[in-house]
Amino acid sequence: MTSDPLDALGDGGQHTLSAHQLLGALALISDLDPVIADVLRNLHLRVYPINPETGAATDYIVLDLHGVSIGALRRDHDFYLHADTTETPDRIIAFEVNGLGEHDHPTR
């Protein structure tokens, strides 16, 4: 196992942040708030390097929050946001963009 918290996985294109290594490093440099420690313990962050062939202008970043995978990517013509709720019982995602009001979107 590598000691590098950014560790190439699978096809060599995905990188992941090791929550346990991050927790250990933060604990060495400061007192870690138990709430923050709990969030970091459950953190699963993945980064897929930029793929200009798909119109991507940035890396694709995926973060798991409350059992939902949230992905974000800036493309040449827009900002792409993806929410994957297949692992949850959620039937609706409520979202808001730029303070323009909350909108419900069915998940199934």
Protein backbone atom coordinates (compact mmCIF):
# COMPACT_ATOMS: atom_id res chain seq x y z
CA MET A 1 0.00 0.00 0.00
CA THR A 2 1.31 3.42 -0.92
CA SER A 3 1.73 6.22 1.61
CA ASP A 4 0.62 8.81 -0.96
CA PRO A 5 -2.95 9.98 -0.15
CA LEU A 6 -3.55 10.59 -3.87
CA ASP A 7 -3.34 7.06 -5.14
CA ALA A 8 -3.95 5.92 -8.74
CA LEU A 9 -6.62 3.20 -8.92
CA GLY A 10 -8.22 0.93 -11.50
CA ASP A 11 -7.46 2.05 -15.03
CA GLY A 12 -4.72 4.43 -13.87
CA GLY A 13 -6.95 7.43 -14.52
CA GLN A 14 -8.86 7.70 -11.25
CA HIS A 15 -7.27 9.11 -8.12
CA THR A 16 -8.71 8.82 -4.63
CA LEU A 17 -8.07 10.58 -1.32
CA SER A 18 -7.49 8.24 1.59
CA ALA A 19 -9.66 9.50 4.44
CA HIS A 20 -7.66 7.55 7.05
CA GLN A 21 -4.33 9.02 5.91
CA LEU A 22 -5.82 12.51 5.87
CA LEU A 23 -7.22 12.03 9.38
CA GLY A 24 -3.85 10.81 10.62
CA ALA A 25 -2.00 13.76 9.11
CA LEU A 26 -4.47 16.30 10.52
CA ALA A 27 -4.33 14.69 13.98
CA LEU A 28 -0.55 15.13 13.99
CA ILE A 29 -0.72 18.87 13.34
CA SER A 30 -3.69 19.95 15.45
CA ASP A 31 -6.54 18.97 17.75
CA LEU A 32 -9.16 17.60 15.39
CA ASP A 33 -12.78 18.53 16.06
CA PRO A 34 -14.75 15.25 16.49
CA VAL A 35 -17.44 16.43 14.05
CA ILE A 36 -14.84 17.16 11.36
CA ALA A 37 -13.13 13.83 12.09
CA ASP A 38 -16.43 12.00 11.56
CA VAL A 39 -17.01 13.77 8.23
CA LEU A 40 -13.47 13.01 7.05
CA ARG A 41 -13.71 9.38 8.19
CA ASN A 42 -16.66 8.92 5.82
CA LEU A 43 -15.17 10.98 3.00
CA HIS A 44 -14.68 9.32 -0.36
CA LEU A 45 -13.21 11.71 -2.91
CA ARG A 46 -12.28 10.68 -6.44
CA VAL A 47 -10.71 12.73 -9.21
CA TYR A 48 -10.65 11.79 -12.88
CA PRO A 49 -8.05 13.79 -14.84
CA ILE A 50 -9.21 16.20 -17.53
CA ASN A 51 -10.32 14.57 -20.79
CA PRO A 52 -10.37 17.26 -23.50
CA GLU A 53 -11.89 14.81 -26.01
CA THR A 54 -15.21 15.02 -24.12
CA GLY A 55 -15.21 18.82 -24.01
CA ALA A 56 -13.98 18.81 -20.39
CA ALA A 57 -12.20 21.95 -19.26
CA THR A 58 -11.43 20.62 -15.74
CA ASP A 59 -10.91 17.36 -13.88
CA TYR A 60 -14.11 15.46 -13.02
CA ILE A 61 -14.43 15.44 -9.22
CA VAL A 62 -16.73 13.00 -7.40
CA LEU A 63 -17.50 13.22 -3.68
CA ASP A 64 -19.73 10.89 -1.69
CA LEU A 65 -22.04 12.74 0.71
CA HIS A 66 -24.74 11.04 2.80
CA GLY A 67 -24.68 8.00 0.50
CA VAL A 68 -25.01 10.08 -2.69
CA SER A 69 -22.19 10.47 -5.21
CA ILE A 70 -21.95 14.07 -6.38
CA GLY A 71 -19.87 14.72 -9.50
CA ALA A 72 -18.83 18.08 -10.91
CA LEU A 73 -17.12 19.04 -14.14
CA ARG A 74 -16.63 22.29 -16.01
CA ARG A 75 -16.99 21.76 -19.74
CA ASP A 76 -16.31 24.12 -22.63
CA HIS A 77 -20.01 25.08 -22.87
CA ASP A 78 -21.45 24.48 -19.36
CA PHE A 79 -21.01 23.25 -15.79
CA TYR A 80 -22.03 19.59 -15.41
CA LEU A 81 -23.35 18.39 -12.04
CA HIS A 82 -24.24 14.74 -11.47
CA ALA A 83 -25.99 13.15 -8.46
CA ASP A 84 -26.15 9.35 -8.16
CA THR A 85 -28.70 8.15 -5.59
CA THR A 86 -28.85 4.48 -6.67
CA GLU A 87 -27.46 3.39 -3.28
CA THR A 88 -30.15 5.28 -1.31
CA PRO A 89 -33.93 5.02 -0.89
CA ASP A 90 -34.34 8.66 -2.03
CA ARG A 91 -37.16 9.25 -4.49
CA ILE A 92 -36.60 12.99 -4.95
CA ILE A 93 -33.56 15.27 -5.05
CA ALA A 94 -34.33 18.86 -4.08
CA PHE A 95 -31.78 21.27 -5.52
CA GLU A 96 -31.23 24.99 -5.85
CA VAL A 97 -28.98 26.90 -8.24
CA ASN A 98 -27.82 30.46 -7.55
CA GLY A 99 -30.63 31.23 -5.11
CA LEU A 100 -33.32 30.86 -7.79
CA GLY A 101 -35.51 28.63 -5.66
CA GLU A 102 -35.65 24.98 -4.77
CA HIS A 103 -36.63 22.44 -7.43
CA ASP A 104 -37.54 18.77 -6.97
CA HIS A 105 -36.23 16.15 -9.35
CA PRO A 106 -37.42 12.51 -9.25
CA THR A 107 -34.66 9.91 -8.90
CA ARG A 108 -36.61 6.97 -10.33
